[in-house]
Amino acid sequence: MMTHTEMLKQIAYDLHNLAEDIEVMIAEDGSASEQNETDSKGAEKVPEIKLEDVRTVLAAKSRDGFGNEVRDLIHAYGADKLSEVDAANYADMMKKAEAIGNAS
């Protein structure tokens, strides 16, 4: 169980990262529409996983008491905060994040 001080530190950490990610989103000047695109053969492309998608999953895991695991996952990709993780790793990171807290 987290102490009150640990919970406040986790909240501050999460708010700091959220603020940075909002700045990234603003800098991107609005992301592309959520519509699925098709390639030249007419096959549906897999939707791209975006920073905000990963952030949503990680924030939920953190709220569920897995803040340390979330932090460890971010560090596993060589970053101190989510906005530093290479977008090429988002799909893999999302799979690992969704497994947090789900006992096998």
N, C-alpha and C. Protein backbone atom coordinates (compact mmCIF):
# COMPACT_ATOMS: atom_id res chain seq x y z
N MET A 1 0.84 -1.18 0.00
CA MET A 1 0.00 0.00 0.00
C MET A 1 0.89 1.24 0.00
N MET A 2 0.52 2.21 -0.80
CA MET A 2 1.29 3.45 -0.90
C MET A 2 0.99 4.36 0.28
N THR A 3 2.03 5.04 0.75
CA THR A 3 1.83 6.05 1.79
C THR A 3 1.24 7.29 1.14
N HIS A 4 0.76 8.18 1.97
CA HIS A 4 0.18 9.42 1.47
C HIS A 4 1.23 10.20 0.67
N THR A 5 2.43 10.26 1.16
CA THR A 5 3.51 10.98 0.46
C THR A 5 3.83 10.33 -0.87
N GLU A 6 3.86 9.00 -0.92
CA GLU A 6 4.13 8.30 -2.17
C GLU A 6 3.02 8.55 -3.19
N MET A 7 1.78 8.58 -2.71
CA MET A 7 0.66 8.86 -3.61
C MET A 7 0.76 10.27 -4.18
N LEU A 8 1.11 11.24 -3.33
CA LEU A 8 1.26 12.61 -3.81
C LEU A 8 2.40 12.72 -4.82
N LYS A 9 3.49 12.02 -4.57
CA LYS A 9 4.60 12.03 -5.52
C LYS A 9 4.18 11.41 -6.85
N GLN A 10 3.40 10.32 -6.80
CA GLN A 10 2.93 9.68 -8.02
C GLN A 10 2.00 10.60 -8.80
N ILE A 11 1.12 11.28 -8.09
CA ILE A 11 0.20 12.22 -8.73
C ILE A 11 0.99 13.35 -9.39
N ALA A 12 1.98 13.88 -8.68
CA ALA A 12 2.80 14.96 -9.24
C ALA A 12 3.55 14.47 -10.48
N TYR A 13 4.08 13.27 -10.42
CA TYR A 13 4.78 12.66 -11.55
C TYR A 13 3.84 12.52 -12.75
N ASP A 14 2.65 12.00 -12.51
CA ASP A 14 1.67 11.80 -13.58
C ASP A 14 1.22 13.14 -14.18
N LEU A 15 0.98 14.14 -13.32
CA LEU A 15 0.56 15.45 -13.81
C LEU A 15 1.66 16.10 -14.65
N HIS A 16 2.90 15.96 -14.21
CA HIS A 16 4.03 16.51 -14.96
C HIS A 16 4.10 15.89 -16.35
N ASN A 17 4.00 14.56 -16.40
CA ASN A 17 4.06 13.88 -17.69
C ASN A 17 2.85 14.23 -18.56
N LEU A 18 1.68 14.34 -17.95
CA LEU A 18 0.49 14.72 -18.70
C LEU A 18 0.66 16.11 -19.32
N ALA A 19 1.19 17.05 -18.55
CA ALA A 19 1.42 18.40 -19.06
C ALA A 19 2.38 18.38 -20.25
N GLU A 20 3.43 17.59 -20.15
CA GLU A 20 4.39 17.49 -21.25
C GLU A 20 3.72 16.87 -22.49
N ASP A 21 2.91 15.87 -22.28
CA ASP A 21 2.24 15.23 -23.41
C ASP A 21 1.22 16.15 -24.06
N ILE A 22 0.57 16.99 -23.27
CA ILE A 22 -0.36 17.97 -23.84
C ILE A 22 0.41 18.96 -24.71
N GLU A 23 1.59 19.35 -24.26
CA GLU A 23 2.42 20.24 -25.06
C GLU A 23 2.79 19.58 -26.39
N VAL A 24 3.11 18.30 -26.36
CA VAL A 24 3.43 17.57 -27.59
C VAL A 24 2.23 17.55 -28.51
N MET A 25 1.05 17.29 -27.95
CA MET A 25 -0.16 17.24 -28.77
C MET A 25 -0.45 18.60 -29.40
N ILE A 26 -0.25 19.67 -28.65
CA ILE A 26 -0.47 21.01 -29.18
C ILE A 26 0.54 21.29 -30.29
N ALA A 27 1.77 20.86 -30.09
CA ALA A 27 2.81 21.08 -31.09
C ALA A 27 2.50 20.33 -32.38
N GLU A 28 1.84 19.20 -32.25
CA GLU A 28 1.46 18.43 -33.44
C GLU A 28 0.33 19.11 -34.19
N ASP A 29 -0.24 20.17 -33.59
CA ASP A 29 -1.29 20.97 -34.21
C ASP A 29 -2.48 20.12 -34.65
N GLY A 30 -2.94 19.31 -33.73
CA GLY A 30 -4.11 18.47 -34.03
C GLY A 30 -3.68 17.29 -34.87
N SER A 31 -3.98 16.12 -34.37
CA SER A 31 -3.60 14.91 -35.09
C SER A 31 -4.56 14.63 -36.24
N ALA A 32 -4.16 13.71 -37.08
CA ALA A 32 -4.98 13.33 -38.23
C ALA A 32 -6.30 12.75 -37.75
N SER A 33 -7.27 12.72 -38.62
CA SER A 33 -8.58 12.18 -38.22
C SER A 33 -8.46 10.72 -37.84
N GLU A 34 -9.42 10.25 -37.08
CA GLU A 34 -9.40 8.88 -36.58
C GLU A 34 -9.90 7.86 -37.61
N GLN A 35 -10.21 8.31 -38.81
CA GLN A 35 -10.74 7.41 -39.82
C GLN A 35 -9.67 6.43 -40.27
N ASN A 36 -10.07 5.18 -40.51
CA ASN A 36 -9.14 4.19 -41.04
C ASN A 36 -8.88 4.51 -42.50
N GLU A 37 -7.60 4.39 -42.88
CA GLU A 37 -7.23 4.62 -44.27
C GLU A 37 -7.10 3.27 -44.96
N THR A 38 -7.09 3.30 -46.27
CA THR A 38 -6.86 2.07 -47.02
C THR A 38 -5.63 2.24 -47.88
N ASP A 39 -4.92 1.14 -48.12
CA ASP A 39 -3.76 1.22 -48.98
C ASP A 39 -4.19 1.14 -50.44
N SER A 40 -3.22 1.13 -51.34
CA SER A 40 -3.53 1.15 -52.77
C SER A 40 -4.29 -0.09 -53.23
N LYS A 41 -4.23 -1.19 -52.49
CA LYS A 41 -4.94 -2.41 -52.86
C LYS A 41 -6.34 -2.45 -52.24
N GLY A 42 -6.69 -1.43 -51.48
CA GLY A 42 -8.01 -1.37 -50.87
C GLY A 42 -8.10 -2.08 -49.53
N ALA A 43 -7.00 -2.62 -49.04
CA ALA A 43 -7.01 -3.30 -47.74
C ALA A 43 -6.98 -2.26 -46.63
N GLU A 44 -7.70 -2.52 -45.59
CA GLU A 44 -7.75 -1.59 -44.47
C GLU A 44 -6.43 -1.61 -43.71
N LYS A 45 -5.89 -0.42 -43.44
CA LYS A 45 -4.65 -0.32 -42.67
C LYS A 45 -4.98 -0.43 -41.19
N VAL A 46 -4.04 -0.94 -40.43
CA VAL A 46 -4.18 -1.00 -38.98
C VAL A 46 -4.03 0.42 -38.45
N PRO A 47 -4.95 0.87 -37.61
CA PRO A 47 -4.84 2.23 -37.08
C PRO A 47 -3.53 2.40 -36.32
N GLU A 48 -2.92 3.53 -36.51
CA GLU A 48 -1.67 3.85 -35.84
C GLU A 48 -1.94 4.13 -34.35
N ILE A 49 -1.10 3.58 -33.50
CA ILE A 49 -1.24 3.85 -32.07
C ILE A 49 -0.54 5.17 -31.78
N LYS A 50 -1.23 6.04 -31.12
CA LYS A 50 -0.73 7.38 -30.85
C LYS A 50 -0.34 7.52 -29.39
N LEU A 51 0.43 8.55 -29.12
CA LEU A 51 0.89 8.85 -27.78
C LEU A 51 -0.28 8.90 -26.80
N GLU A 52 -1.36 9.56 -27.19
CA GLU A 52 -2.49 9.70 -26.27
C GLU A 52 -3.17 8.36 -25.99
N ASP A 53 -3.08 7.41 -26.94
CA ASP A 53 -3.64 6.07 -26.71
C ASP A 53 -2.85 5.36 -25.61
N VAL A 54 -1.54 5.43 -25.73
CA VAL A 54 -0.67 4.79 -24.73
C VAL A 54 -0.84 5.49 -23.38
N ARG A 55 -0.90 6.81 -23.41
CA ARG A 55 -1.05 7.60 -22.17
C ARG A 55 -2.33 7.19 -21.45
N THR A 56 -3.41 6.99 -22.17
CA THR A 56 -4.69 6.62 -21.57
C THR A 56 -4.57 5.29 -20.82
N VAL A 57 -3.95 4.31 -21.46
CA VAL A 57 -3.79 2.99 -20.84
C VAL A 57 -2.87 3.09 -19.62
N LEU A 58 -1.75 3.80 -19.77
CA LEU A 58 -0.80 3.91 -18.65
C LEU A 58 -1.40 4.69 -17.48
N ALA A 59 -2.15 5.72 -17.77
CA ALA A 59 -2.79 6.50 -16.70
C ALA A 59 -3.77 5.64 -15.93
N ALA A 60 -4.54 4.81 -16.64
CA ALA A 60 -5.49 3.92 -15.97
C ALA A 60 -4.76 2.92 -15.08
N LYS A 61 -3.66 2.36 -15.58
CA LYS A 61 -2.89 1.41 -14.78
C LYS A 61 -2.32 2.09 -13.55
N SER A 62 -1.85 3.31 -13.72
CA SER A 62 -1.30 4.06 -12.59
C SER A 62 -2.38 4.33 -11.55
N ARG A 63 -3.57 4.73 -11.99
CA ARG A 63 -4.68 4.97 -11.06
C ARG A 63 -5.08 3.70 -10.33
N ASP A 64 -4.89 2.55 -10.99
CA ASP A 64 -5.24 1.26 -10.39
C ASP A 64 -4.18 0.76 -9.42
N GLY A 65 -3.15 1.57 -9.18
CA GLY A 65 -2.13 1.21 -8.20
C GLY A 65 -0.88 0.59 -8.78
N PHE A 66 -0.70 0.69 -10.08
CA PHE A 66 0.48 0.10 -10.73
C PHE A 66 1.44 1.17 -11.22
N GLY A 67 1.56 2.25 -10.47
CA GLY A 67 2.44 3.35 -10.86
C GLY A 67 3.89 2.94 -11.02
N ASN A 68 4.37 2.10 -10.12
CA ASN A 68 5.76 1.65 -10.21
C ASN A 68 5.98 0.82 -11.47
N GLU A 69 5.02 -0.03 -11.80
CA GLU A 69 5.13 -0.86 -13.00
C GLU A 69 5.08 -0.01 -14.27
N VAL A 70 4.25 1.02 -14.25
CA VAL A 70 4.17 1.94 -15.39
C VAL A 70 5.51 2.65 -15.56
N ARG A 71 6.06 3.14 -14.49
CA ARG A 71 7.36 3.83 -14.53
C ARG A 71 8.44 2.88 -15.05
N ASP A 72 8.43 1.63 -14.56
CA ASP A 72 9.41 0.65 -15.02
C ASP A 72 9.26 0.37 -16.52
N LEU A 73 8.03 0.32 -17.00
CA LEU A 73 7.79 0.08 -18.42
C LEU A 73 8.36 1.22 -19.26
N ILE A 74 8.12 2.44 -18.84
CA ILE A 74 8.65 3.59 -19.56
C ILE A 74 10.18 3.55 -19.57
N HIS A 75 10.76 3.23 -18.42
CA HIS A 75 12.22 3.13 -18.32
C HIS A 75 12.76 2.01 -19.20
N ALA A 76 11.99 0.94 -19.38
CA ALA A 76 12.43 -0.19 -20.20
C ALA A 76 12.64 0.24 -21.66
N TYR A 77 12.03 1.32 -22.06
CA TYR A 77 12.19 1.84 -23.41
C TYR A 77 13.21 2.98 -23.44
N GLY A 78 14.03 3.07 -22.39
CA GLY A 78 15.11 4.05 -22.34
C GLY A 78 14.66 5.48 -22.14
N ALA A 79 13.52 5.67 -21.51
CA ALA A 79 12.98 7.01 -21.33
C ALA A 79 12.63 7.25 -19.87
N ASP A 80 12.61 8.52 -19.51
CA ASP A 80 12.18 8.90 -18.16
C ASP A 80 10.71 9.29 -18.14
N LYS A 81 10.17 9.62 -19.31
CA LYS A 81 8.76 9.99 -19.41
C LYS A 81 8.22 9.48 -20.74
N LEU A 82 6.94 9.30 -20.79
CA LEU A 82 6.30 8.70 -21.95
C LEU A 82 6.58 9.48 -23.23
N SER A 83 6.60 10.78 -23.15
CA SER A 83 6.81 11.59 -24.36
C SER A 83 8.19 11.38 -24.97
N GLU A 84 9.10 10.75 -24.24
CA GLU A 84 10.45 10.47 -24.76
C GLU A 84 10.54 9.12 -25.46
N VAL A 85 9.51 8.29 -25.34
CA VAL A 85 9.51 6.97 -25.97
C VAL A 85 9.31 7.11 -27.47
N ASP A 86 10.10 6.40 -28.25
CA ASP A 86 9.99 6.42 -29.71
C ASP A 86 8.62 5.88 -30.12
N ALA A 87 7.94 6.60 -30.99
CA ALA A 87 6.60 6.21 -31.45
C ALA A 87 6.58 4.82 -32.07
N ALA A 88 7.71 4.38 -32.60
CA ALA A 88 7.79 3.04 -33.20
C ALA A 88 7.58 1.95 -32.15
N ASN A 89 7.73 2.28 -30.88
CA ASN A 89 7.57 1.31 -29.80
C ASN A 89 6.18 1.31 -29.18
N TYR A 90 5.29 2.19 -29.62
CA TYR A 90 3.98 2.32 -28.99
C TYR A 90 3.17 1.04 -29.02
N ALA A 91 3.15 0.32 -30.14
CA ALA A 91 2.34 -0.90 -30.23
C ALA A 91 2.84 -1.95 -29.24
N ASP A 92 4.14 -2.16 -29.19
CA ASP A 92 4.71 -3.12 -28.26
C ASP A 92 4.48 -2.68 -26.82
N MET A 93 4.66 -1.39 -26.58
CA MET A 93 4.46 -0.85 -25.23
C MET A 93 3.01 -1.01 -24.79
N MET A 94 2.08 -0.81 -25.72
CA MET A 94 0.66 -0.93 -25.40
C MET A 94 0.34 -2.37 -24.97
N LYS A 95 0.89 -3.35 -25.68
CA LYS A 95 0.66 -4.76 -25.33
C LYS A 95 1.17 -5.04 -23.92
N LYS A 96 2.37 -4.56 -23.61
CA LYS A 96 2.95 -4.78 -22.29
C LYS A 96 2.17 -4.03 -21.21
N ALA A 97 1.71 -2.84 -21.53
CA ALA A 97 0.95 -2.04 -20.56
C ALA A 97 -0.37 -2.71 -20.22
N GLU A 98 -1.03 -3.26 -21.24
CA GLU A 98 -2.31 -3.91 -21.02
C GLU A 98 -2.17 -5.17 -20.16
N ALA A 99 -0.98 -5.76 -20.15
CA ALA A 99 -0.72 -6.95 -19.35
C ALA A 99 -0.46 -6.62 -17.88
N ILE A 100 -0.13 -5.36 -17.58
CA ILE A 100 0.14 -4.98 -16.19
C ILE A 100 -1.11 -5.22 -15.34
N GLY A 101 -0.93 -5.95 -14.26
CA GLY A 101 -2.04 -6.19 -13.34
C GLY A 101 -2.93 -7.35 -13.73
N ASN A 102 -2.66 -7.95 -14.86
CA ASN A 102 -3.46 -9.10 -15.30
C ASN A 102 -2.63 -10.36 -15.08
N ALA A 103 -2.85 -11.00 -13.96
CA ALA A 103 -2.10 -12.21 -13.61
C ALA A 103 -2.32 -13.30 -14.65
N SER A 104 -1.24 -13.97 -15.00
CA SER A 104 -1.34 -15.04 -15.98
C SER A 104 -1.43 -16.39 -15.31
